């Protein structure tokens, strides 16, 4: 990572519909950090193709995942930032405050339905398929299971809190090193 002393980096991950992108933007704004959120949607737009088409291609060709991940790590290496992506906490595991956002499939699909303007049943089916594709792909590419995130510094139930409250929990942890009601860690 960057040689910048004390460079604050926050990595936020979660499955589709957990609010990674929105929460990343809120946290970055509150802390005055850059947002690094280069995604498949960005790559698809740059290459003039549909998001679903790029996802299908990525299942067959590792260049797409590696391009995204290399870009994200390179941007994070530039210094203080919030990186929001499905695999951010794995990419920056030892160099960032790692945060995982949890939410059940139905809640995530409902959010995606509202965001994309599609029927909830269609969002539920598409989200379940995407979860499975992502799990298989990241296991094949990197050898980790996206359902095993217990190492994260902070795991937040994104169903129990709105995005503003989720962001505030992360900001509190970043600023004080603890959550409300916890005793801040002591320096050694």
C-alpha atoms as a PDB file:
ATOM      1  CA  UNK A   1       0.000   0.000   0.000  1.00  0.00           C
ATOM      2  CA  UNK A   2       0.902   3.655   0.128  1.00  0.00           C
ATOM      3  CA  UNK A   3       3.819   4.722   2.241  1.00  0.00           C
ATOM      4  CA  UNK A   4       1.642   7.551   3.576  1.00  0.00           C
ATOM      5  CA  UNK A   5       1.850   7.270   7.384  1.00  0.00           C
ATOM      6  CA  UNK A   6      -1.502   6.714   9.057  1.00  0.00           C
ATOM      7  CA  UNK A   7      -3.336   6.578   5.737  1.00  0.00           C
ATOM      8  CA  UNK A   8      -6.938   5.836   6.589  1.00  0.00           C
ATOM      9  CA  UNK A   9      -8.415   3.237   4.271  1.00  0.00           C
ATOM     10  CA  UNK A  10     -11.810   1.728   4.784  1.00  0.00           C
ATOM     11  CA  UNK A  11     -12.877  -1.348   2.809  1.00  0.00           C
ATOM     12  CA  UNK A  12     -16.624  -2.020   2.661  1.00  0.00           C
ATOM     13  CA  UNK A  13     -18.037  -5.252   1.242  1.00  0.00           C
ATOM     14  CA  UNK A  14     -21.348  -7.034   1.085  1.00  0.00           C
ATOM     15  CA  UNK A  15     -23.518  -8.795  -1.416  1.00  0.00           C
ATOM     16  CA  UNK A  16     -25.520  -6.998  -4.089  1.00  0.00           C
ATOM     17  CA  UNK A  17     -28.202  -4.791  -2.563  1.00  0.00           C
ATOM     18  CA  UNK A  18     -26.556  -4.337   0.851  1.00  0.00           C
ATOM     19  CA  UNK A  19     -25.837  -0.677   0.215  1.00  0.00           C
ATOM     20  CA  UNK A  20     -22.063  -0.886  -0.331  1.00  0.00           C
ATOM     21  CA  UNK A  21     -21.948   1.921  -2.868  1.00  0.00           C
ATOM     22  CA  UNK A  22     -24.238   4.315  -1.038  1.00  0.00           C
ATOM     23  CA  UNK A  23     -22.672   3.688   2.358  1.00  0.00           C
ATOM     24  CA  UNK A  24     -19.184   4.068   0.861  1.00  0.00           C
ATOM     25  CA  UNK A  25     -20.115   7.488  -0.549  1.00  0.00           C
ATOM     26  CA  UNK A  26     -21.641   8.639   2.756  1.00  0.00           C
ATOM     27  CA  UNK A  27     -18.641   7.473   4.807  1.00  0.00           C
ATOM     28  CA  UNK A  28     -16.196   9.097   2.388  1.00  0.00           C
ATOM     29  CA  UNK A  29     -18.097  12.388   2.465  1.00  0.00           C
ATOM     30  CA  UNK A  30     -18.230  12.454   6.267  1.00  0.00           C
ATOM     31  CA  UNK A  31     -14.517  11.699   6.627  1.00  0.00           C
ATOM     32  CA  UNK A  32     -13.272  13.730   3.667  1.00  0.00           C
ATOM     33  CA  UNK A  33     -11.936  10.639   1.879  1.00  0.00           C
ATOM     34  CA  UNK A  34     -11.864   9.648  -1.786  1.00  0.00           C
ATOM     35  CA  UNK A  35     -14.324   6.983  -2.906  1.00  0.00           C
ATOM     36  CA  UNK A  36     -12.890   4.050  -4.825  1.00  0.00           C
ATOM     37  CA  UNK A  37     -15.821   2.158  -6.271  1.00  0.00           C
ATOM     38  CA  UNK A  38     -14.729   0.967  -9.698  1.00  0.00           C
ATOM     39  CA  UNK A  39     -17.176  -1.811 -10.532  1.00  0.00           C
ATOM     40  CA  UNK A  40     -18.377  -4.085 -13.296  1.00  0.00           C
ATOM     41  CA  UNK A  41     -20.951  -1.402 -14.125  1.00  0.00           C
ATOM     42  CA  UNK A  42     -18.117   1.075 -14.734  1.00  0.00           C
ATOM     43  CA  UNK A  43     -16.157  -1.391 -16.856  1.00  0.00           C
ATOM     44  CA  UNK A  44     -19.264  -2.332 -18.862  1.00  0.00           C
ATOM     45  CA  UNK A  45     -20.012   1.345 -19.520  1.00  0.00           C
ATOM     46  CA  UNK A  46     -16.385   1.986 -20.587  1.00  0.00           C
ATOM     47  CA  UNK A  47     -16.506  -0.953 -22.998  1.00  0.00           C
ATOM     48  CA  UNK A  48     -19.943  -0.079 -24.378  1.00  0.00           C
ATOM     49  CA  UNK A  49     -21.663  -3.277 -23.267  1.00  0.00           C
ATOM     50  CA  UNK A  50     -24.480  -4.235 -20.947  1.00  0.00           C
ATOM     51  CA  UNK A  51     -23.818  -5.089 -17.316  1.00  0.00           C
ATOM     52  CA  UNK A  52     -25.344  -8.593 -17.609  1.00  0.00           C
ATOM     53  CA  UNK A  53     -23.300  -9.259 -20.738  1.00  0.00           C
ATOM     54  CA  UNK A  54     -20.082  -8.318 -18.934  1.00  0.00           C
ATOM     55  CA  UNK A  55     -21.007 -10.508 -15.961  1.00  0.00           C
ATOM     56  CA  UNK A  56     -21.519 -13.482 -18.291  1.00  0.00           C
ATOM     57  CA  UNK A  57     -18.176 -12.821 -19.976  1.00  0.00           C
ATOM     58  CA  UNK A  58     -16.481 -12.549 -16.572  1.00  0.00           C
ATOM     59  CA  UNK A  59     -17.690 -16.045 -15.722  1.00  0.00           C
ATOM     60  CA  UNK A  60     -15.667 -17.357 -18.675  1.00  0.00           C
ATOM     61  CA  UNK A  61     -12.682 -14.998 -18.708  1.00  0.00           C
ATOM     62  CA  UNK A  62     -10.757 -13.967 -15.595  1.00  0.00           C
ATOM     63  CA  UNK A  63      -9.405 -10.779 -17.216  1.00  0.00           C
ATOM     64  CA  UNK A  64     -12.527  -8.843 -16.182  1.00  0.00           C
ATOM     65  CA  UNK A  65     -12.278  -9.619 -12.476  1.00  0.00           C
ATOM     66  CA  UNK A  66      -8.545  -9.086 -12.418  1.00  0.00           C
ATOM     67  CA  UNK A  67      -8.903  -5.763 -14.289  1.00  0.00           C
ATOM     68  CA  UNK A  68     -11.457  -4.503 -11.759  1.00  0.00           C
ATOM     69  CA  UNK A  69      -9.509  -5.702  -8.745  1.00  0.00           C
ATOM     70  CA  UNK A  70      -6.141  -4.384  -9.951  1.00  0.00           C
ATOM     71  CA  UNK A  71      -7.735  -1.010 -10.645  1.00  0.00           C
ATOM     72  CA  UNK A  72      -9.321  -0.880  -7.196  1.00  0.00           C
ATOM     73  CA  UNK A  73      -6.112  -1.811  -5.381  1.00  0.00           C
ATOM     74  CA  UNK A  74      -4.086   0.678  -7.443  1.00  0.00           C
ATOM     75  CA  UNK A  75      -6.550   3.464  -6.639  1.00  0.00           C
ATOM     76  CA  UNK A  76      -6.551   2.523  -2.942  1.00  0.00           C
ATOM     77  CA  UNK A  77      -2.740   2.568  -2.910  1.00  0.00           C
ATOM     78  CA  UNK A  78      -2.883   6.286  -3.667  1.00  0.00           C
ATOM     79  CA  UNK A  79      -3.831   6.947  -0.034  1.00  0.00           C
ATOM     80  CA  UNK A  80      -6.781   7.856   2.141  1.00  0.00           C
ATOM     81  CA  UNK A  81      -9.966   6.359   0.702  1.00  0.00           C
ATOM     82  CA  UNK A  82     -13.069   4.252   1.069  1.00  0.00           C
ATOM     83  CA  UNK A  83     -13.121   1.207  -1.212  1.00  0.00           C
ATOM     84  CA  UNK A  84     -16.557  -0.284  -1.721  1.00  0.00           C
ATOM     85  CA  UNK A  85     -16.788  -3.586  -3.601  1.00  0.00           C
ATOM     86  CA  UNK A  86     -17.857  -7.197  -3.229  1.00  0.00           C
ATOM     87  CA  UNK A  87     -14.266  -8.189  -2.430  1.00  0.00           C
ATOM     88  CA  UNK A  88     -12.856  -4.979  -0.898  1.00  0.00           C
ATOM     89  CA  UNK A  89     -12.302  -6.526   2.535  1.00  0.00           C
ATOM     90  CA  UNK A  90     -10.316  -9.369   1.016  1.00  0.00           C
ATOM     91  CA  UNK A  91      -8.284  -7.076  -1.260  1.00  0.00           C
ATOM     92  CA  UNK A  92      -7.337  -4.676   1.557  1.00  0.00           C
ATOM     93  CA  UNK A  93      -7.555  -7.143   4.429  1.00  0.00           C
ATOM     94  CA  UNK A  94      -4.295  -6.147   6.123  1.00  0.00           C
ATOM     95  CA  UNK A  95      -4.201  -2.456   5.183  1.00  0.00           C
ATOM     96  CA  UNK A  96      -7.674  -1.091   5.926  1.00  0.00           C
ATOM     97  CA  UNK A  97     -10.510  -0.969   8.400  1.00  0.00           C
ATOM     98  CA  UNK A  98     -12.616  -3.816   6.976  1.00  0.00           C
ATOM     99  CA  UNK A  99     -16.405  -3.643   7.125  1.00  0.00           C
ATOM    100  CA  UNK A 100     -18.912  -6.238   5.953  1.00  0.00           C
ATOM    101  CA  UNK A 101     -22.573  -5.326   5.417  1.00  0.00           C
ATOM    102  CA  UNK A 102     -25.013  -8.183   5.995  1.00  0.00           C
ATOM    103  CA  UNK A 103     -28.582  -8.407   4.713  1.00  0.00           C
ATOM    104  CA  UNK A 104     -30.799 -11.302   3.737  1.00  0.00           C
ATOM    105  CA  UNK A 105     -31.657 -12.158   0.158  1.00  0.00           C
ATOM    106  CA  UNK A 106     -35.279 -10.917   0.369  1.00  0.00           C
ATOM    107  CA  UNK A 107     -34.279  -7.527   1.799  1.00  0.00           C
ATOM    108  CA  UNK A 108     -31.527  -7.071  -0.787  1.00  0.00           C
ATOM    109  CA  UNK A 109     -33.839  -8.068  -3.628  1.00  0.00           C
ATOM    110  CA  UNK A 110     -36.465  -5.583  -2.417  1.00  0.00           C
ATOM    111  CA  UNK A 111     -33.862  -2.798  -2.470  1.00  0.00           C
ATOM    112  CA  UNK A 112     -32.702  -3.790  -5.943  1.00  0.00           C
ATOM    113  CA  UNK A 113     -36.320  -3.938  -7.128  1.00  0.00           C
ATOM    114  CA  UNK A 114     -36.900  -0.352  -5.979  1.00  0.00           C
ATOM    115  CA  UNK A 115     -33.561   0.894  -7.323  1.00  0.00           C
ATOM    116  CA  UNK A 116     -33.854  -0.767 -10.732  1.00  0.00           C
ATOM    117  CA  UNK A 117     -37.622  -0.429 -11.104  1.00  0.00           C
ATOM    118  CA  UNK A 118     -38.139  -4.152 -11.701  1.00  0.00           C
ATOM    119  CA  UNK A 119     -40.653  -6.558 -10.115  1.00  0.00           C
ATOM    120  CA  UNK A 120     -39.513  -7.883  -6.752  1.00  0.00           C
ATOM    121  CA  UNK A 121     -39.837 -11.526  -7.859  1.00  0.00           C
ATOM    122  CA  UNK A 122     -37.508 -10.867 -10.799  1.00  0.00           C
ATOM    123  CA  UNK A 123     -35.044  -9.061  -8.522  1.00  0.00           C
ATOM    124  CA  UNK A 124     -35.146 -11.960  -6.056  1.00  0.00           C
ATOM    125  CA  UNK A 125     -34.390 -14.511  -8.765  1.00  0.00           C
ATOM    126  CA  UNK A 126     -31.639 -12.411 -10.369  1.00  0.00           C
ATOM    127  CA  UNK A 127     -30.018 -11.604  -7.016  1.00  0.00           C
ATOM    128  CA  UNK A 128     -29.966 -15.257  -5.958  1.00  0.00           C
ATOM    129  CA  UNK A 129     -28.338 -16.186  -9.271  1.00  0.00           C
ATOM    130  CA  UNK A 130     -25.791 -13.402  -8.917  1.00  0.00           C
ATOM    131  CA  UNK A 131     -24.945 -14.465  -5.346  1.00  0.00           C
ATOM    132  CA  UNK A 132     -24.238 -17.989  -6.552  1.00  0.00           C
ATOM    133  CA  UNK A 133     -22.198 -16.810  -9.562  1.00  0.00           C
ATOM    134  CA  UNK A 134     -20.152 -14.441  -7.381  1.00  0.00           C
ATOM    135  CA  UNK A 135     -19.506 -17.121  -4.753  1.00  0.00           C
ATOM    136  CA  UNK A 136     -18.326 -19.636  -7.332  1.00  0.00           C
ATOM    137  CA  UNK A 137     -16.252 -17.110  -9.271  1.00  0.00           C
ATOM    138  CA  UNK A 138     -14.377 -15.664  -6.287  1.00  0.00           C
ATOM    139  CA  UNK A 139     -13.691 -19.145  -4.932  1.00  0.00           C
ATOM    140  CA  UNK A 140     -12.269 -20.157  -8.310  1.00  0.00           C
ATOM    141  CA  UNK A 141     -10.268 -16.940  -8.825  1.00  0.00           C
ATOM    142  CA  UNK A 142      -8.958 -16.223  -5.344  1.00  0.00           C
ATOM    143  CA  UNK A 143      -9.684 -19.294  -3.265  1.00  0.00           C
ATOM    144  CA  UNK A 144     -11.850 -17.536  -0.685  1.00  0.00           C
ATOM    145  CA  UNK A 145     -15.488 -17.972   0.231  1.00  0.00           C
ATOM    146  CA  UNK A 146     -17.445 -14.700   0.176  1.00  0.00           C
ATOM    147  CA  UNK A 147     -19.676 -16.108   2.910  1.00  0.00           C
ATOM    148  CA  UNK A 148     -16.708 -16.296   5.302  1.00  0.00           C
ATOM    149  CA  UNK A 149     -16.109 -12.733   6.423  1.00  0.00           C
ATOM    150  CA  UNK A 150     -15.676 -13.234  10.162  1.00  0.00           C
ATOM    151  CA  UNK A 151     -12.224 -11.637   9.988  1.00  0.00           C
ATOM    152  CA  UNK A 152     -13.789  -8.235   9.191  1.00  0.00           C
ATOM    153  CA  UNK A 153     -13.142  -5.538  11.776  1.00  0.00           C
ATOM    154  CA  UNK A 154     -16.816  -4.646  11.741  1.00  0.00           C
ATOM    155  CA  UNK A 155     -19.878  -6.606  10.592  1.00  0.00           C
ATOM    156  CA  UNK A 156     -23.084  -4.555  10.352  1.00  0.00           C
ATOM    157  CA  UNK A 157     -26.653  -5.775   9.927  1.00  0.00           C
ATOM    158  CA  UNK A 158     -27.727  -3.565   7.026  1.00  0.00           C
ATOM    159  CA  UNK A 159     -31.344  -4.667   7.458  1.00  0.00           C
ATOM    160  CA  UNK A 160     -31.480  -3.369  11.032  1.00  0.00           C
ATOM    161  CA  UNK A 161     -30.104   0.084  10.163  1.00  0.00           C
ATOM    162  CA  UNK A 162     -30.721   2.567   7.380  1.00  0.00           C
ATOM    163  CA  UNK A 163     -27.748   3.592   5.265  1.00  0.00           C
ATOM    164  CA  UNK A 164     -27.118   6.767   7.285  1.00  0.00           C
ATOM    165  CA  UNK A 165     -26.960   4.769  10.533  1.00  0.00           C
ATOM    166  CA  UNK A 166     -24.692   2.155   8.936  1.00  0.00           C
ATOM    167  CA  UNK A 167     -22.388   4.923   7.751  1.00  0.00           C
ATOM    168  CA  UNK A 168     -22.341   6.484  11.216  1.00  0.00           C
ATOM    169  CA  UNK A 169     -21.278   3.181  12.789  1.00  0.00           C
ATOM    170  CA  UNK A 170     -18.383   2.973  10.345  1.00  0.00           C
ATOM    171  CA  UNK A 171     -17.373   6.605  10.851  1.00  0.00           C
ATOM    172  CA  UNK A 172     -17.459   6.121  14.620  1.00  0.00           C
ATOM    173  CA  UNK A 173     -15.231   3.093  14.364  1.00  0.00           C
ATOM    174  CA  UNK A 174     -12.838   4.866  12.013  1.00  0.00           C
ATOM    175  CA  UNK A 175     -12.565   7.962  14.185  1.00  0.00           C
ATOM    176  CA  UNK A 176     -12.464   6.425  17.665  1.00  0.00           C
ATOM    177  CA  UNK A 177     -11.521   2.841  17.012  1.00  0.00           C
ATOM    178  CA  UNK A 178     -14.705   1.698  18.782  1.00  0.00           C
ATOM    179  CA  UNK A 179     -18.472   1.608  18.450  1.00  0.00           C
ATOM    180  CA  UNK A 180     -20.926   3.600  20.568  1.00  0.00           C
ATOM    181  CA  UNK A 181     -21.048   2.039  24.023  1.00  0.00           C
ATOM    182  CA  UNK A 182     -17.689   0.286  23.612  1.00  0.00           C
ATOM    183  CA  UNK A 183     -14.558   1.307  25.405  1.00  0.00           C
ATOM    184  CA  UNK A 184     -12.095   2.659  22.822  1.00  0.00           C
ATOM    185  CA  UNK A 185      -8.989   0.484  22.441  1.00  0.00           C
ATOM    186  CA  UNK A 186      -5.990   1.710  24.392  1.00  0.00           C
ATOM    187  CA  UNK A 187      -2.708   2.441  22.661  1.00  0.00           C
ATOM    188  CA  UNK A 188       0.286   0.325  23.652  1.00  0.00           C
END
